[in-house]
């Protein structure tokens, strides 16, 4: 087996964790590929950090089909499978094949930015796409279409379109439901909606979404996972399921529901 290691935060703790991981991987006979690029063949990417670091690893290997396994050096670490004290256990589990791989839906996000010279851009998201009004800006009035049909115009501080993976992140904190990874669903969750009847709505992930703010001169923040930019009203955001999936690794008997219980204290 060949693995690469991904670290986003350059701290002594992360460097120490990397050294310990490399030593354990070598001890069990797993090869570590240094300075990984997409041209180098590997069987797995190991992320050392929190969920943000794992997300950056996902975007680093985007579309390559390489499984990603996370060691949590952050706070919650919902997407990670091991803690900083589990490095030896993780290395042995990988060597002996004692792990499962969970395919996760990715979103393809096409931006038609009215104010930009490079007006069209394609991005990908594992967690969510969100719009949020900027400071001193009015409420957003986001028109949402599904397969060309108008759903509603959301008057709110913003709007989130989340995958099942992202349903336990920003969307959940705004009152959205938890979606199981294999549910084949997306959820649209308003952020502080002006009308109380505008609640989260669950859709099939086979639909095509089109978002546009009705106020042409309003500025708002757009987030696509960790990518953030400023958008101008009238810009068009098209969202659909990507043609590839991300593969997250769970060791031992861990799964999505055990992560809910252990890390979100769900149902406890």
Protein backbone atom coordinates (compact mmCIF):
# COMPACT_ATOMS: atom_id res chain seq x y z
CA UNK A 1 0.00 0.00 0.00
CA UNK A 2 1.13 3.54 -0.80
CA UNK A 3 -0.22 6.59 1.03
CA UNK A 4 0.36 10.34 0.99
CA UNK A 5 -0.02 12.66 3.99
CA UNK A 6 -1.84 16.00 3.85
CA UNK A 7 -1.38 18.75 6.45
CA UNK A 8 -2.80 22.28 6.19
CA UNK A 9 -1.65 23.80 9.49
CA UNK A 10 2.11 24.05 10.01
CA UNK A 11 2.37 23.72 13.79
CA UNK A 12 4.75 21.73 16.01
CA UNK A 13 1.84 19.47 17.06
CA UNK A 14 0.96 18.66 13.45
CA UNK A 15 4.62 18.08 12.56
CA UNK A 16 5.01 15.74 15.52
CA UNK A 17 1.85 13.90 14.49
CA UNK A 18 3.18 13.50 10.98
CA UNK A 19 6.48 12.05 12.21
CA UNK A 20 4.65 9.59 14.46
CA UNK A 21 2.37 8.57 11.59
CA UNK A 22 5.25 8.06 9.15
CA UNK A 23 7.09 5.92 11.70
CA UNK A 24 4.04 3.73 12.30
CA UNK A 25 3.24 3.38 8.59
CA UNK A 26 6.82 2.35 7.85
CA UNK A 27 6.78 -0.06 10.80
CA UNK A 28 3.78 -1.96 9.39
CA UNK A 29 5.14 -1.90 5.84
CA UNK A 30 3.15 0.91 4.23
CA UNK A 31 5.04 3.18 1.84
CA UNK A 32 4.71 6.96 2.29
CA UNK A 33 4.87 9.04 -0.91
CA UNK A 34 6.44 12.43 -0.28
CA UNK A 35 5.42 15.64 -2.10
CA UNK A 36 2.41 14.01 -3.69
CA UNK A 37 1.09 15.22 -7.07
CA UNK A 38 -1.75 13.70 -9.11
CA UNK A 39 0.81 12.02 -11.36
CA UNK A 40 1.99 9.84 -8.45
CA UNK A 41 -0.01 6.67 -7.80
CA UNK A 42 -1.26 6.19 -4.22
CA UNK A 43 -3.89 4.04 -2.55
CA UNK A 44 -4.97 6.53 0.10
CA UNK A 45 -4.58 10.12 1.36
CA UNK A 46 -4.19 10.61 5.12
CA UNK A 47 -5.29 13.99 6.45
CA UNK A 48 -3.84 15.30 9.74
CA UNK A 49 -5.99 18.08 11.21
CA UNK A 50 -9.69 18.77 11.64
CA UNK A 51 -12.60 18.66 9.23
CA UNK A 52 -11.29 21.74 7.39
CA UNK A 53 -8.02 19.97 6.68
CA UNK A 54 -9.86 16.89 5.47
CA UNK A 55 -11.94 19.08 3.15
CA UNK A 56 -8.78 20.60 1.70
CA UNK A 57 -7.41 17.07 1.15
CA UNK A 58 -10.62 16.15 -0.68
CA UNK A 59 -10.20 19.12 -2.99
CA UNK A 60 -6.53 18.28 -3.51
CA UNK A 61 -7.38 14.83 -4.91
CA UNK A 62 -10.62 16.05 -6.55
CA UNK A 63 -12.02 13.52 -9.01
CA UNK A 64 -9.11 11.06 -8.68
CA UNK A 65 -11.12 8.52 -6.69
CA UNK A 66 -8.46 8.25 -3.97
CA UNK A 67 -9.93 7.43 -0.53
CA UNK A 68 -9.28 9.95 2.24
CA UNK A 69 -8.82 9.07 5.92
CA UNK A 70 -8.62 11.74 8.62
CA UNK A 71 -6.72 11.95 11.91
CA UNK A 72 -8.32 14.58 14.11
CA UNK A 73 -6.00 17.26 15.46
CA UNK A 74 -8.82 19.83 15.57
CA UNK A 75 -11.94 20.17 17.72
CA UNK A 76 -14.99 18.15 16.61
CA UNK A 77 -13.47 16.19 13.72
CA UNK A 78 -16.81 14.75 12.58
CA UNK A 79 -15.44 13.55 9.23
CA UNK A 80 -12.23 12.12 10.68
CA UNK A 81 -11.93 8.53 11.86
CA UNK A 82 -9.03 8.58 14.34
CA UNK A 83 -7.70 10.80 17.11
CA UNK A 84 -4.11 11.82 17.72
CA UNK A 85 -3.77 8.88 20.14
CA UNK A 86 -4.99 6.37 17.54
CA UNK A 87 -2.11 6.62 15.05
CA UNK A 88 -0.77 3.12 15.78
CA UNK A 89 -4.27 1.65 15.55
CA UNK A 90 -4.91 3.46 12.26
CA UNK A 91 -1.68 2.27 10.64
CA UNK A 92 -2.39 -1.35 11.59
CA UNK A 93 -6.02 -1.12 10.43
CA UNK A 94 -4.92 0.16 7.02
CA UNK A 95 -2.28 -2.55 6.69
CA UNK A 96 -4.71 -5.33 7.60
CA UNK A 97 -7.61 -3.92 5.57
CA UNK A 98 -9.81 -3.41 8.62
CA UNK A 99 -11.67 -0.38 7.28
CA UNK A 100 -14.68 0.55 5.19
CA UNK A 101 -15.04 3.16 2.48
CA UNK A 102 -18.07 5.47 2.35
CA UNK A 103 -18.85 7.09 -1.03
CA UNK A 104 -20.00 10.68 -0.55
CA UNK A 105 -21.89 12.91 -3.00
CA UNK A 106 -20.05 15.92 -4.45
CA UNK A 107 -21.72 19.01 -5.92
CA UNK A 108 -20.64 20.72 -9.12
CA UNK A 109 -21.15 24.46 -8.80
CA UNK A 110 -21.07 26.68 -11.88
CA UNK A 111 -20.81 30.41 -11.24
CA UNK A 112 -21.85 33.02 -13.79
CA UNK A 113 -20.43 36.12 -12.08
CA UNK A 114 -21.76 39.35 -13.54
CA UNK A 115 -19.02 41.58 -12.13
CA UNK A 116 -16.02 39.44 -13.09
CA UNK A 117 -13.97 39.48 -16.29
CA UNK A 118 -13.52 35.72 -15.87
CA UNK A 119 -17.26 35.43 -15.48
CA UNK A 120 -17.74 31.65 -15.57
CA UNK A 121 -16.12 29.33 -13.03
CA UNK A 122 -16.70 25.72 -12.00
CA UNK A 123 -16.11 24.57 -8.41
CA UNK A 124 -16.88 21.43 -6.41
CA UNK A 125 -18.26 20.97 -2.88
CA UNK A 126 -18.36 18.04 -0.48
CA UNK A 127 -20.24 19.88 2.28
CA UNK A 128 -22.31 22.79 1.03
CA UNK A 129 -22.84 25.89 -1.04
CA UNK A 130 -24.03 28.91 0.90
CA UNK A 131 -25.02 32.51 0.25
CA UNK A 132 -24.92 35.05 3.08
CA UNK A 133 -25.62 38.75 3.11
CA UNK A 134 -22.66 40.99 3.80
CA UNK A 135 -22.48 43.45 6.69
CA UNK A 136 -24.67 46.56 6.15
CA UNK A 137 -26.32 44.88 3.15
CA UNK A 138 -30.09 44.22 3.05
CA UNK A 139 -31.77 40.82 3.22
CA UNK A 140 -31.09 38.56 0.29
CA UNK A 141 -34.00 37.67 -1.97
CA UNK A 142 -32.72 34.44 -3.47
CA UNK A 143 -34.79 32.91 -6.25
CA UNK A 144 -34.46 29.12 -6.34
CA UNK A 145 -35.39 27.02 -9.36
CA UNK A 146 -35.38 23.21 -9.49
CA UNK A 147 -35.13 21.73 -12.98
CA UNK A 148 -36.36 25.06 -14.33
CA UNK A 149 -39.40 25.29 -12.02
CA UNK A 150 -39.61 28.09 -9.44
CA UNK A 151 -39.55 26.80 -5.85
CA UNK A 152 -39.60 30.11 -3.99
CA UNK A 153 -37.85 33.40 -3.45
CA UNK A 154 -36.22 33.20 -0.02
CA UNK A 155 -36.10 36.48 1.90
CA UNK A 156 -33.41 35.68 4.45
CA UNK A 157 -29.90 36.37 5.66
CA UNK A 158 -28.84 33.62 3.31
CA UNK A 159 -29.35 30.13 1.99
CA UNK A 160 -27.53 26.79 2.22
CA UNK A 161 -27.57 23.91 -0.24
CA UNK A 162 -26.05 20.92 1.54
CA UNK A 163 -25.16 17.35 0.67
CA UNK A 164 -25.74 14.56 3.19
CA UNK A 165 -22.13 15.10 4.31
CA UNK A 166 -22.78 18.81 4.80
CA UNK A 167 -26.13 18.25 6.48
CA UNK A 168 -24.32 17.80 9.81
CA UNK A 169 -22.39 21.08 9.41
CA UNK A 170 -23.64 24.63 8.69
CA UNK A 171 -27.09 23.44 7.61
CA UNK A 172 -27.66 21.59 10.90
CA UNK A 173 -26.74 24.69 12.93
CA UNK A 174 -29.43 26.60 10.99
CA UNK A 175 -32.15 24.06 11.75
CA UNK A 176 -31.72 21.72 8.80
CA UNK A 177 -32.27 17.94 9.03
CA UNK A 178 -29.59 15.25 9.14
CA UNK A 179 -29.35 13.28 5.89
CA UNK A 180 -27.81 9.81 5.78
CA UNK A 181 -24.87 9.55 3.32
CA UNK A 182 -26.64 7.12 0.99
CA UNK A 183 -30.00 8.89 0.95
CA UNK A 184 -29.55 10.38 -2.53
CA UNK A 185 -30.75 13.74 -1.23
CA UNK A 186 -29.87 17.41 -0.94
CA UNK A 187 -31.31 19.92 1.51
CA UNK A 188 -32.02 23.62 1.02
CA UNK A 189 -31.89 25.44 4.37
CA UNK A 190 -32.67 29.16 4.75
CA UNK A 191 -30.54 31.21 7.15
CA UNK A 192 -32.73 33.35 9.43
CA UNK A 193 -35.66 33.43 7.01
CA UNK A 194 -37.88 36.54 7.14
CA UNK A 195 -40.97 34.33 6.68
CA UNK A 196 -41.43 31.53 9.21
CA UNK A 197 -43.20 29.31 6.66
CA UNK A 198 -40.00 29.01 4.62
CA UNK A 199 -38.48 25.90 6.14
CA UNK A 200 -35.76 23.49 4.95
CA UNK A 201 -36.73 21.33 1.98
CA UNK A 202 -35.23 17.98 0.96
CA UNK A 203 -34.75 17.23 -2.73
CA UNK A 204 -33.41 14.37 -4.84
CA UNK A 205 -29.73 14.86 -5.66
CA UNK A 206 -30.54 14.24 -9.33
CA UNK A 207 -32.09 17.71 -9.73
CA UNK A 208 -30.47 20.80 -11.18
CA UNK A 209 -30.65 23.94 -9.04
CA UNK A 210 -30.43 27.55 -10.18
CA UNK A 211 -29.95 30.35 -7.63
CA UNK A 212 -30.08 34.09 -8.31
CA UNK A 213 -30.63 37.09 -6.08
CA UNK A 214 -33.41 39.33 -7.41
CA UNK A 215 -31.67 42.57 -6.38
CA UNK A 216 -29.11 43.35 -9.09
CA UNK A 217 -26.94 45.68 -7.01
CA UNK A 218 -26.76 43.72 -3.74
CA UNK A 219 -23.44 42.18 -2.70
CA UNK A 220 -23.27 38.92 -0.80
CA UNK A 221 -20.78 36.27 0.28
CA UNK A 222 -20.71 32.94 -1.52
CA UNK A 223 -19.07 29.90 0.07
CA UNK A 224 -18.33 26.63 -1.71
CA UNK A 225 -16.82 24.50 1.06
CA UNK A 226 -13.71 26.50 2.03
CA UNK A 227 -13.75 28.71 -1.11
CA UNK A 228 -15.25 32.13 -0.35
CA UNK A 229 -15.85 35.08 -2.66
CA UNK A 230 -18.07 38.16 -3.06
CA UNK A 231 -20.91 37.96 -5.56
CA UNK A 232 -23.12 40.61 -7.08
CA UNK A 233 -26.90 40.24 -7.30
CA UNK A 234 -27.93 38.99 -10.71
CA UNK A 235 -25.10 36.48 -10.79
CA UNK A 236 -26.31 32.94 -11.46
CA UNK A 237 -25.30 29.89 -9.43
CA UNK A 238 -26.05 26.50 -10.95
CA UNK A 239 -25.73 23.41 -8.75
CA UNK A 240 -25.96 19.74 -9.66
CA UNK A 241 -24.52 16.44 -8.52
CA UNK A 242 -20.94 15.99 -9.72
CA UNK A 243 -19.95 13.08 -11.94
CA UNK A 244 -17.63 11.71 -9.25
CA UNK A 245 -17.81 10.95 -5.53
CA UNK A 246 -15.45 11.39 -2.62
CA UNK A 247 -14.54 8.26 -0.67
CA UNK A 248 -14.10 8.64 3.09
CA UNK A 249 -12.45 5.91 5.17
CA UNK A 250 -13.78 4.59 8.48
CA UNK A 251 -11.72 2.14 10.56
CA UNK A 252 -12.93 -0.73 12.72
CA UNK A 253 -16.68 -0.65 13.40
CA UNK A 254 -17.19 3.07 12.85
CA UNK A 255 -19.93 4.38 10.58
CA UNK A 256 -22.03 7.49 10.04
CA UNK A 257 -24.38 6.74 12.93
CA UNK A 258 -21.61 5.96 15.39
CA UNK A 259 -20.08 9.32 14.46
CA UNK A 260 -23.43 11.00 15.20
CA UNK A 261 -23.60 9.38 18.62
CA UNK A 262 -19.95 9.80 19.60
CA UNK A 263 -19.20 13.25 18.18
CA UNK A 264 -22.55 15.07 18.04
CA UNK A 265 -23.98 13.26 21.09
CA UNK A 266 -27.02 12.50 18.93
CA UNK A 267 -29.68 10.50 20.74
CA UNK A 268 -27.51 10.21 23.87
